[in-house]
Amino acid sequence: MSEHILLERDPPLATITLNRPRQRNAISYQMWGELSQLLRELDDDGNCRVVVITGAGTEAFSAGADIKDFEEYRADSTMGRRYNSAVDGLLRTLTEMETPTISMIRGYAAGGGCELAVATDLRIASEDSKLGIPVARLGISIGHLEMQGLVNLVGKGNALYILYSGRLVDAQEALGMGLVNQVVATEDLAPTTYQLAREIAALAPLSHAVNKRTLNQVLTTPRLDQLTQEEADIPLTQFDTRDYQEGYRAFLEKRRPEFRGE
């Protein structure tokens, strides 16, 4: 892992920091792949129950893809295909991984930085944040996975507003269109985000995993009568887990459950 991506483990939480503050945490070509690999490793770590992603410094979560890479990696459609594949790899990882992810956003989340945040499960933003995907300013467009994630999050109208206008919307406008889940004072950003992360981590990890899997099924197969029997039965698998037994017994016994992910 390069010096531009920092990992801090504080079980059951892990924090990934994009560490290029002088470049507003712009994401280089290599970083897309490194982020994907790191997230998959954390998803396989039973001691990690929530991943928080943030940016170093105070100016930006991430200003997006590093434009200095474009001449070398996006000079034409052939080279762009390889670059887009790296971006898609990270977005697929975030979509498929079972461990909940939260973007902790301060300052700019633009272009690829905004797309990264959209791909995480939740987004908490400080009141001084600005978000958007101004690709039309560069004469490029977003890929199918980026578009799918954006439309699923904010709807067709807001997605086109974000893309057509090229604007970076402020935190309150982002909240109103569903681009972020919560807006807090800058000084409250880290406490609020980590409090939420700890609350999520204290709940049943298998429930989180199955809920996300079910969510993805609903998005990809909205006609539920077209689900396979195996897919339709996924929510039932929880009844055969140790965590389910622990959860309802703890409720009856009026105590805090201890979930193990089993």
C-alpha atoms as a PDB file:
ATOM      1  CA  MET A   1       0.000   0.000   0.000  1.00  0.00           C
ATOM      2  CA  SER A   2       1.372   3.422  -0.956  1.00  0.00           C
ATOM      3  CA  GLU A   3       1.962   6.360   1.348  1.00  0.00           C
ATOM      4  CA  HIS A   4      -1.091   7.973  -0.210  1.00  0.00           C
ATOM      5  CA  ILE A   5      -3.467   5.571   1.563  1.00  0.00           C
ATOM      6  CA  LEU A   6      -3.358   5.274   5.337  1.00  0.00           C
ATOM      7  CA  LEU A   7      -5.021   2.533   7.370  1.00  0.00           C
ATOM      8  CA  GLU A   8      -5.817   2.799  11.065  1.00  0.00           C
ATOM      9  CA  ARG A   9      -7.287  -0.201  12.849  1.00  0.00           C
ATOM     10  CA  ASP A  10      -9.262   0.289  16.048  1.00  0.00           C
ATOM     11  CA  PRO A  11     -11.316  -2.916  16.260  1.00  0.00           C
ATOM     12  CA  PRO A  12     -14.129  -3.246  15.489  1.00  0.00           C
ATOM     13  CA  LEU A  13     -13.552  -0.127  13.345  1.00  0.00           C
ATOM     14  CA  ALA A  14     -11.057   0.645  10.599  1.00  0.00           C
ATOM     15  CA  THR A  15     -10.329   4.017   9.004  1.00  0.00           C
ATOM     16  CA  ILE A  16      -8.945   4.507   5.504  1.00  0.00           C
ATOM     17  CA  THR A  17      -7.522   7.972   4.851  1.00  0.00           C
ATOM     18  CA  LEU A  18      -6.780   9.321   1.393  1.00  0.00           C
ATOM     19  CA  ASN A  19      -3.458  10.972   2.138  1.00  0.00           C
ATOM     20  CA  ARG A  20      -2.632  13.563  -0.502  1.00  0.00           C
ATOM     21  CA  PRO A  21      -3.702  16.792   1.205  1.00  0.00           C
ATOM     22  CA  ARG A  22      -1.595  19.031  -1.069  1.00  0.00           C
ATOM     23  CA  GLN A  23      -3.490  17.605  -4.045  1.00  0.00           C
ATOM     24  CA  ARG A  24      -6.815  17.749  -2.181  1.00  0.00           C
ATOM     25  CA  ASN A  25      -6.583  13.969  -1.874  1.00  0.00           C
ATOM     26  CA  ALA A  26      -6.857  13.386  -5.606  1.00  0.00           C
ATOM     27  CA  ILE A  27      -7.005   9.685  -6.450  1.00  0.00           C
ATOM     28  CA  SER A  28      -4.209   8.445  -8.695  1.00  0.00           C
ATOM     29  CA  TYR A  29      -4.573   5.545 -11.115  1.00  0.00           C
ATOM     30  CA  GLN A  30      -2.684   3.225  -8.751  1.00  0.00           C
ATOM     31  CA  MET A  31      -4.827   4.260  -5.782  1.00  0.00           C
ATOM     32  CA  TRP A  32      -8.049   2.930  -7.342  1.00  0.00           C
ATOM     33  CA  GLY A  33      -6.648  -0.588  -7.319  1.00  0.00           C
ATOM     34  CA  GLU A  34      -4.960  -0.237  -3.945  1.00  0.00           C
ATOM     35  CA  LEU A  35      -8.190   0.950  -2.341  1.00  0.00           C
ATOM     36  CA  SER A  36     -10.089  -1.993  -3.788  1.00  0.00           C
ATOM     37  CA  GLN A  37      -7.526  -4.502  -2.528  1.00  0.00           C
ATOM     38  CA  LEU A  38      -7.426  -2.943   0.940  1.00  0.00           C
ATOM     39  CA  LEU A  39     -11.212  -2.942   1.254  1.00  0.00           C
ATOM     40  CA  ARG A  40     -11.403  -6.599   0.267  1.00  0.00           C
ATOM     41  CA  GLU A  41      -8.817  -7.435   2.921  1.00  0.00           C
ATOM     42  CA  LEU A  42     -10.807  -5.563   5.558  1.00  0.00           C
ATOM     43  CA  ASP A  43     -13.993  -7.299   4.419  1.00  0.00           C
ATOM     44  CA  ASP A  44     -12.292 -10.634   5.102  1.00  0.00           C
ATOM     45  CA  ASP A  45     -11.158  -9.507   8.556  1.00  0.00           C
ATOM     46  CA  GLY A  46     -13.600 -10.777  11.168  1.00  0.00           C
ATOM     47  CA  ASN A  47     -12.390  -8.141  13.623  1.00  0.00           C
ATOM     48  CA  CYS A  48     -13.454  -5.298  11.317  1.00  0.00           C
ATOM     49  CA  ARG A  49     -17.157  -4.495  11.400  1.00  0.00           C
ATOM     50  CA  VAL A  50     -17.254  -0.963   9.946  1.00  0.00           C
ATOM     51  CA  VAL A  51     -14.897   0.897   7.589  1.00  0.00           C
ATOM     52  CA  VAL A  52     -14.754   4.711   7.655  1.00  0.00           C
ATOM     53  CA  ILE A  53     -13.257   6.427   4.593  1.00  0.00           C
ATOM     54  CA  THR A  54     -12.039  10.016   4.818  1.00  0.00           C
ATOM     55  CA  GLY A  55      -9.502  12.471   3.445  1.00  0.00           C
ATOM     56  CA  ALA A  56      -6.412  13.966   5.053  1.00  0.00           C
ATOM     57  CA  GLY A  57      -6.391  17.631   6.000  1.00  0.00           C
ATOM     58  CA  THR A  58      -9.268  20.065   6.092  1.00  0.00           C
ATOM     59  CA  GLU A  59      -9.795  21.021   2.432  1.00  0.00           C
ATOM     60  CA  ALA A  60     -11.157  17.880   0.833  1.00  0.00           C
ATOM     61  CA  PHE A  61     -12.511  14.389   1.186  1.00  0.00           C
ATOM     62  CA  SER A  62     -11.210  13.974  -2.353  1.00  0.00           C
ATOM     63  CA  ALA A  63     -11.144  16.348  -5.298  1.00  0.00           C
ATOM     64  CA  GLY A  64     -11.507  13.328  -7.585  1.00  0.00           C
ATOM     65  CA  ALA A  65      -9.326  11.517 -10.073  1.00  0.00           C
ATOM     66  CA  ASP A  66      -5.844  12.983 -10.464  1.00  0.00           C
ATOM     67  CA  ILE A  67      -6.000  14.850 -13.780  1.00  0.00           C
ATOM     68  CA  LYS A  68      -2.210  14.625 -14.075  1.00  0.00           C
ATOM     69  CA  ASP A  69      -2.740  10.914 -14.815  1.00  0.00           C
ATOM     70  CA  PHE A  70      -4.996  11.560 -17.781  1.00  0.00           C
ATOM     71  CA  GLU A  71      -2.307  11.989 -20.429  1.00  0.00           C
ATOM     72  CA  GLU A  72      -0.687   8.689 -19.444  1.00  0.00           C
ATOM     73  CA  TYR A  73      -3.810   6.659 -18.647  1.00  0.00           C
ATOM     74  CA  ARG A  74      -6.776   8.348 -20.380  1.00  0.00           C
ATOM     75  CA  ALA A  75      -5.344   9.818 -23.562  1.00  0.00           C
ATOM     76  CA  ASP A  76      -7.758   7.860 -25.772  1.00  0.00           C
ATOM     77  CA  SER A  77     -10.575   5.323 -25.534  1.00  0.00           C
ATOM     78  CA  THR A  78      -8.247   2.317 -25.446  1.00  0.00           C
ATOM     79  CA  MET A  79      -6.302   3.698 -22.500  1.00  0.00           C
ATOM     80  CA  GLY A  80      -9.511   4.997 -20.954  1.00  0.00           C
ATOM     81  CA  ARG A  81     -10.969   1.494 -20.948  1.00  0.00           C
ATOM     82  CA  ARG A  82      -8.159   0.302 -18.681  1.00  0.00           C
ATOM     83  CA  TYR A  83      -8.539   3.314 -16.396  1.00  0.00           C
ATOM     84  CA  ASN A  84     -12.309   2.908 -16.165  1.00  0.00           C
ATOM     85  CA  SER A  85     -11.813  -0.763 -15.335  1.00  0.00           C
ATOM     86  CA  ALA A  86      -9.749   0.250 -12.296  1.00  0.00           C
ATOM     87  CA  VAL A  87     -12.459   2.660 -11.148  1.00  0.00           C
ATOM     88  CA  ASP A  88     -15.166   0.041 -11.713  1.00  0.00           C
ATOM     89  CA  GLY A  89     -13.155  -2.448  -9.669  1.00  0.00           C
ATOM     90  CA  LEU A  90     -13.289  -0.189  -6.625  1.00  0.00           C
ATOM     91  CA  LEU A  91     -16.977   0.588  -7.088  1.00  0.00           C
ATOM     92  CA  ARG A  92     -17.805  -3.126  -7.375  1.00  0.00           C
ATOM     93  CA  THR A  93     -15.816  -3.848  -4.238  1.00  0.00           C
ATOM     94  CA  LEU A  94     -17.766  -1.250  -2.293  1.00  0.00           C
ATOM     95  CA  THR A  95     -21.060  -2.566  -3.652  1.00  0.00           C
ATOM     96  CA  GLU A  96     -20.310  -6.211  -2.976  1.00  0.00           C
ATOM     97  CA  MET A  97     -18.435  -6.107   0.340  1.00  0.00           C
ATOM     98  CA  GLU A  98     -20.447  -7.125   3.391  1.00  0.00           C
ATOM     99  CA  THR A  99     -18.738  -4.838   5.892  1.00  0.00           C
ATOM    100  CA  PRO A 100     -20.615  -1.512   6.228  1.00  0.00           C
ATOM    101  CA  THR A 101     -18.768   1.528   4.881  1.00  0.00           C
ATOM    102  CA  ILE A 102     -19.163   5.202   5.787  1.00  0.00           C
ATOM    103  CA  SER A 103     -17.723   8.225   3.992  1.00  0.00           C
ATOM    104  CA  MET A 104     -16.730  10.980   6.420  1.00  0.00           C
ATOM    105  CA  ILE A 105     -16.759  14.058   4.185  1.00  0.00           C
ATOM    106  CA  ARG A 106     -15.178  17.423   4.887  1.00  0.00           C
ATOM    107  CA  GLY A 107     -14.574  19.999   2.184  1.00  0.00           C
ATOM    108  CA  TYR A 108     -14.634  18.977  -1.454  1.00  0.00           C
ATOM    109  CA  ALA A 109     -15.960  15.638  -2.682  1.00  0.00           C
ATOM    110  CA  ALA A 110     -15.797  16.171  -6.412  1.00  0.00           C
ATOM    111  CA  GLY A 111     -15.708  13.970  -9.494  1.00  0.00           C
ATOM    112  CA  GLY A 112     -14.261  10.591  -8.625  1.00  0.00           C
ATOM    113  CA  GLY A 113     -14.207  11.617  -4.968  1.00  0.00           C
ATOM    114  CA  CYS A 114     -17.961  12.116  -5.043  1.00  0.00           C
ATOM    115  CA  GLU A 115     -18.387   8.838  -6.950  1.00  0.00           C
ATOM    116  CA  LEU A 116     -16.365   7.064  -4.265  1.00  0.00           C
ATOM    117  CA  ALA A 117     -18.585   8.533  -1.559  1.00  0.00           C
ATOM    118  CA  VAL A 118     -21.732   7.589  -3.474  1.00  0.00           C
ATOM    119  CA  ALA A 119     -20.518   3.977  -3.621  1.00  0.00           C
ATOM    120  CA  THR A 120     -20.123   3.701   0.155  1.00  0.00           C
ATOM    121  CA  ASP A 121     -23.113   2.652   2.227  1.00  0.00           C
ATOM    122  CA  LEU A 122     -23.485   5.920   4.180  1.00  0.00           C
ATOM    123  CA  ARG A 123     -22.221   9.498   3.932  1.00  0.00           C
ATOM    124  CA  ILE A 124     -21.809  11.970   6.804  1.00  0.00           C
ATOM    125  CA  ALA A 125     -20.776  15.479   5.738  1.00  0.00           C
ATOM    126  CA  SER A 126     -19.613  18.596   7.516  1.00  0.00           C
ATOM    127  CA  GLU A 127     -21.553  21.792   6.902  1.00  0.00           C
ATOM    128  CA  ASP A 128     -18.670  23.246   4.867  1.00  0.00           C
ATOM    129  CA  SER A 129     -18.674  20.371   2.365  1.00  0.00           C
ATOM    130  CA  LYS A 130     -19.251  20.741  -1.365  1.00  0.00           C
ATOM    131  CA  LEU A 131     -20.141  17.791  -3.571  1.00  0.00           C
ATOM    132  CA  GLY A 132     -20.570  17.223  -7.280  1.00  0.00           C
ATOM    133  CA  ILE A 133     -19.421  15.450 -10.429  1.00  0.00           C
ATOM    134  CA  PRO A 134     -18.378  18.194 -12.878  1.00  0.00           C
ATOM    135  CA  VAL A 135     -17.236  15.864 -15.666  1.00  0.00           C
ATOM    136  CA  ALA A 136     -18.819  18.073 -18.325  1.00  0.00           C
ATOM    137  CA  ARG A 137     -16.217  20.711 -17.468  1.00  0.00           C
ATOM    138  CA  LEU A 138     -13.566  18.256 -18.696  1.00  0.00           C
ATOM    139  CA  GLY A 139     -15.484  16.996 -21.712  1.00  0.00           C
ATOM    140  CA  ILE A 140     -15.869  13.467 -20.338  1.00  0.00           C
ATOM    141  CA  SER A 141     -18.759  11.436 -18.949  1.00  0.00           C
ATOM    142  CA  ILE A 142     -19.243   9.001 -16.108  1.00  0.00           C
ATOM    143  CA  GLY A 143     -19.412   5.240 -16.555  1.00  0.00           C
ATOM    144  CA  HIS A 144     -22.379   2.935 -16.158  1.00  0.00           C
ATOM    145  CA  LEU A 145     -21.519   1.865 -12.599  1.00  0.00           C
ATOM    146  CA  GLU A 146     -21.079   5.464 -11.485  1.00  0.00           C
ATOM    147  CA  MET A 147     -24.365   6.415 -13.147  1.00  0.00           C
ATOM    148  CA  GLN A 148     -26.191   3.457 -11.628  1.00  0.00           C
ATOM    149  CA  GLY A 149     -24.995   4.324  -8.143  1.00  0.00           C
ATOM    150  CA  LEU A 150     -25.827   8.003  -8.530  1.00  0.00           C
ATOM    151  CA  VAL A 151     -29.345   7.397  -9.888  1.00  0.00           C
ATOM    152  CA  ASN A 152     -30.080   4.797  -7.206  1.00  0.00           C
ATOM    153  CA  LEU A 153     -29.058   7.324  -4.576  1.00  0.00           C
ATOM    154  CA  VAL A 154     -30.572  10.612  -5.737  1.00  0.00           C
ATOM    155  CA  GLY A 155     -32.947   9.708  -8.588  1.00  0.00           C
ATOM    156  CA  LYS A 156     -32.946  10.588 -12.301  1.00  0.00           C
ATOM    157  CA  GLY A 157     -33.724  14.286 -11.964  1.00  0.00           C
ATOM    158  CA  ASN A 158     -31.110  15.050  -9.338  1.00  0.00           C
ATOM    159  CA  ALA A 159     -28.516  12.915 -11.130  1.00  0.00           C
ATOM    160  CA  LEU A 160     -28.982  14.910 -14.327  1.00  0.00           C
ATOM    161  CA  TYR A 161     -28.944  18.190 -12.370  1.00  0.00           C
ATOM    162  CA  ILE A 162     -25.601  17.232 -10.825  1.00  0.00           C
ATOM    163  CA  LEU A 163     -24.132  16.188 -14.187  1.00  0.00           C
ATOM    164  CA  TYR A 164     -25.653  18.860 -16.437  1.00  0.00           C
ATOM    165  CA  SER A 165     -24.919  21.809 -14.158  1.00  0.00           C
ATOM    166  CA  GLY A 166     -21.375  20.800 -13.286  1.00  0.00           C
ATOM    167  CA  ARG A 167     -21.975  22.534  -9.979  1.00  0.00           C
ATOM    168  CA  LEU A 168     -20.620  21.580  -6.590  1.00  0.00           C
ATOM    169  CA  VAL A 169     -23.640  21.714  -4.300  1.00  0.00           C
ATOM    170  CA  ASP A 170     -23.338  22.697  -0.671  1.00  0.00           C
ATOM    171  CA  ALA A 171     -23.968  20.254   2.157  1.00  0.00           C
ATOM    172  CA  GLN A 172     -27.576  21.251   2.799  1.00  0.00           C
ATOM    173  CA  GLU A 173     -28.504  20.959  -0.867  1.00  0.00           C
ATOM    174  CA  ALA A 174     -26.754  17.582  -0.969  1.00  0.00           C
ATOM    175  CA  LEU A 175     -28.782  16.499   2.038  1.00  0.00           C
ATOM    176  CA  GLY A 176     -32.015  17.624   0.409  1.00  0.00           C
ATOM    177  CA  MET A 177     -31.405  15.536  -2.697  1.00  0.00           C
ATOM    178  CA  GLY A 178     -30.262  12.492  -0.723  1.00  0.00           C
ATOM    179  CA  LEU A 179     -26.625  12.718  -1.771  1.00  0.00           C
ATOM    180  CA  VAL A 180     -25.592  12.600   1.908  1.00  0.00           C
ATOM    181  CA  ASN A 181     -27.332  11.074   4.921  1.00  0.00           C
ATOM    182  CA  GLN A 182     -26.475  13.687   7.533  1.00  0.00           C
ATOM    183  CA  VAL A 183     -24.890  17.128   7.800  1.00  0.00           C
ATOM    184  CA  VAL A 184     -23.192  18.222  11.014  1.00  0.00           C
ATOM    185  CA  ALA A 185     -21.038  21.067  12.267  1.00  0.00           C
ATOM    186  CA  THR A 186     -17.422  20.661  11.241  1.00  0.00           C
ATOM    187  CA  GLU A 187     -16.262  20.093  14.812  1.00  0.00           C
ATOM    188  CA  ASP A 188     -18.890  17.365  15.214  1.00  0.00           C
ATOM    189  CA  LEU A 189     -18.004  15.437  12.063  1.00  0.00           C
ATOM    190  CA  ALA A 190     -15.625  12.881  13.542  1.00  0.00           C
ATOM    191  CA  PRO A 191     -17.562  12.330  16.819  1.00  0.00           C
ATOM    192  CA  THR A 192     -20.843  11.896  14.932  1.00  0.00           C
ATOM    193  CA  THR A 193     -19.370   9.564  12.329  1.00  0.00           C
ATOM    194  CA  TYR A 194     -17.580   7.328  14.804  1.00  0.00           C
ATOM    195  CA  GLN A 195     -20.553   7.207  17.143  1.00  0.00           C
ATOM    196  CA  LEU A 196     -22.643   5.913  14.246  1.00  0.00           C
ATOM    197  CA  ALA A 197     -19.887   3.481  13.272  1.00  0.00           C
ATOM    198  CA  ARG A 198     -19.737   2.088  16.820  1.00  0.00           C
ATOM    199  CA  GLU A 199     -23.519   1.697  16.926  1.00  0.00           C
ATOM    200  CA  ILE A 200     -23.466  -0.207  13.641  1.00  0.00           C
ATOM    201  CA  ALA A 201     -20.544  -2.355  14.783  1.00  0.00           C
ATOM    202  CA  ALA A 202     -22.398  -3.329  17.962  1.00  0.00           C
ATOM    203  CA  LEU A 203     -25.260  -4.859  15.981  1.00  0.00           C
ATOM    204  CA  ALA A 204     -25.359  -8.233  14.248  1.00  0.00           C
ATOM    205  CA  PRO A 205     -22.825  -8.254  11.372  1.00  0.00           C
ATOM    206  CA  LEU A 206     -24.613 -11.097   9.588  1.00  0.00           C
ATOM    207  CA  SER A 207     -27.818  -9.051   9.616  1.00  0.00           C
ATOM    208  CA  HIS A 208     -25.952  -6.162   7.996  1.00  0.00           C
ATOM    209  CA  ALA A 209     -24.452  -8.478   5.376  1.00  0.00           C
ATOM    210  CA  VAL A 210     -27.745 -10.114   4.459  1.00  0.00           C
ATOM    211  CA  ASN A 211     -29.597  -6.782   4.407  1.00  0.00           C
ATOM    212  CA  LYS A 212     -27.045  -5.396   1.945  1.00  0.00           C
ATOM    213  CA  ARG A 213     -27.215  -8.528  -0.189  1.00  0.00           C
ATOM    214  CA  THR A 214     -31.016  -8.293  -0.224  1.00  0.00           C
ATOM    215  CA  LEU A 215     -30.812  -4.593  -1.099  1.00  0.00           C
ATOM    216  CA  ASN A 216     -28.554  -5.337  -4.053  1.00  0.00           C
ATOM    217  CA  GLN A 217     -30.960  -8.038  -5.230  1.00  0.00           C
ATOM    218  CA  VAL A 218     -33.897  -5.642  -5.061  1.00  0.00           C
ATOM    219  CA  LEU A 219     -31.981  -3.057  -7.090  1.00  0.00           C
ATOM    220  CA  THR A 220     -30.854  -5.525  -9.750  1.00  0.00           C
ATOM    221  CA  THR A 221     -34.046  -7.620  -9.850  1.00  0.00           C
ATOM    222  CA  PRO A 222     -36.965  -5.315  -8.993  1.00  0.00           C
ATOM    223  CA  ARG A 223     -39.415  -7.979 -10.165  1.00  0.00           C
ATOM    224  CA  LEU A 224     -39.155 -10.068  -7.008  1.00  0.00           C
ATOM    225  CA  ASP A 225     -41.080 -12.921  -8.577  1.00  0.00           C
ATOM    226  CA  GLN A 226     -38.056 -13.422 -10.834  1.00  0.00           C
ATOM    227  CA  LEU A 227     -35.716 -14.226  -7.936  1.00  0.00           C
ATOM    228  CA  THR A 228     -34.353 -17.751  -7.789  1.00  0.00           C
ATOM    229  CA  GLN A 229     -35.448 -19.811  -4.810  1.00  0.00           C
ATOM    230  CA  GLU A 230     -31.972 -19.505  -3.341  1.00  0.00           C
ATOM    231  CA  GLU A 231     -32.072 -15.724  -3.666  1.00  0.00           C
ATOM    232  CA  ALA A 232     -35.576 -15.527  -2.192  1.00  0.00           C
ATOM    233  CA  ASP A 233     -34.491 -17.605   0.795  1.00  0.00           C
ATOM    234  CA  ILE A 234     -31.494 -15.432   1.747  1.00  0.00           C
ATOM    235  CA  PRO A 235     -33.351 -13.512   4.526  1.00  0.00           C
ATOM    236  CA  LEU A 236     -34.322 -16.857   6.083  1.00  0.00           C
ATOM    237  CA  THR A 237     -30.687 -17.842   6.614  1.00  0.00           C
ATOM    238  CA  GLN A 238     -30.516 -15.595   9.676  1.00  0.00           C
ATOM    239  CA  PHE A 239     -32.809 -17.904  11.630  1.00  0.00           C
ATOM    240  CA  ASP A 240     -30.099 -20.579  11.549  1.00  0.00           C
ATOM    241  CA  THR A 241     -27.372 -18.383  13.060  1.00  0.00           C
ATOM    242  CA  ARG A 242     -26.003 -18.189  16.561  1.00  0.00           C
ATOM    243  CA  ASP A 243     -26.453 -14.401  16.444  1.00  0.00           C
ATOM    244  CA  TYR A 244     -30.202 -14.762  15.932  1.00  0.00           C
ATOM    245  CA  GLN A 245     -30.462 -16.979  19.005  1.00  0.00           C
ATOM    246  CA  GLU A 246     -28.358 -14.495  20.972  1.00  0.00           C
ATOM    247  CA  GLY A 247     -30.353 -11.515  19.742  1.00  0.00           C
ATOM    248  CA  TYR A 248     -33.815 -12.625  20.734  1.00  0.00           C
ATOM    249  CA  ARG A 249     -32.670 -14.261  23.980  1.00  0.00           C
ATOM    250  CA  ALA A 250     -30.889 -11.061  25.004  1.00  0.00           C
ATOM    251  CA  PHE A 251     -34.070  -9.135  24.260  1.00  0.00           C
ATOM    252  CA  LEU A 252     -36.138 -11.450  26.444  1.00  0.00           C
ATOM    253  CA  GLU A 253     -33.528 -11.374  29.200  1.00  0.00           C
ATOM    254  CA  LYS A 254     -33.260  -7.566  28.997  1.00  0.00           C
ATOM    255  CA  ARG A 255     -29.487  -7.540  28.421  1.00  0.00           C
ATOM    256  CA  ARG A 256     -27.113  -6.318  25.729  1.00  0.00           C
ATOM    257  CA  PRO A 257     -26.527  -8.966  23.055  1.00  0.00           C
ATOM    258  CA  GLU A 258     -23.024 -10.087  22.161  1.00  0.00           C
ATOM    259  CA  PHE A 259     -22.951 -10.738  18.433  1.00  0.00           C
ATOM    260  CA  ARG A 260     -20.103 -12.818  17.023  1.00  0.00           C
ATOM    261  CA  GLY A 261     -20.965 -12.977  13.353  1.00  0.00           C
ATOM    262  CA  GLU A 262     -21.786 -16.664  13.617  1.00  0.00           C
END
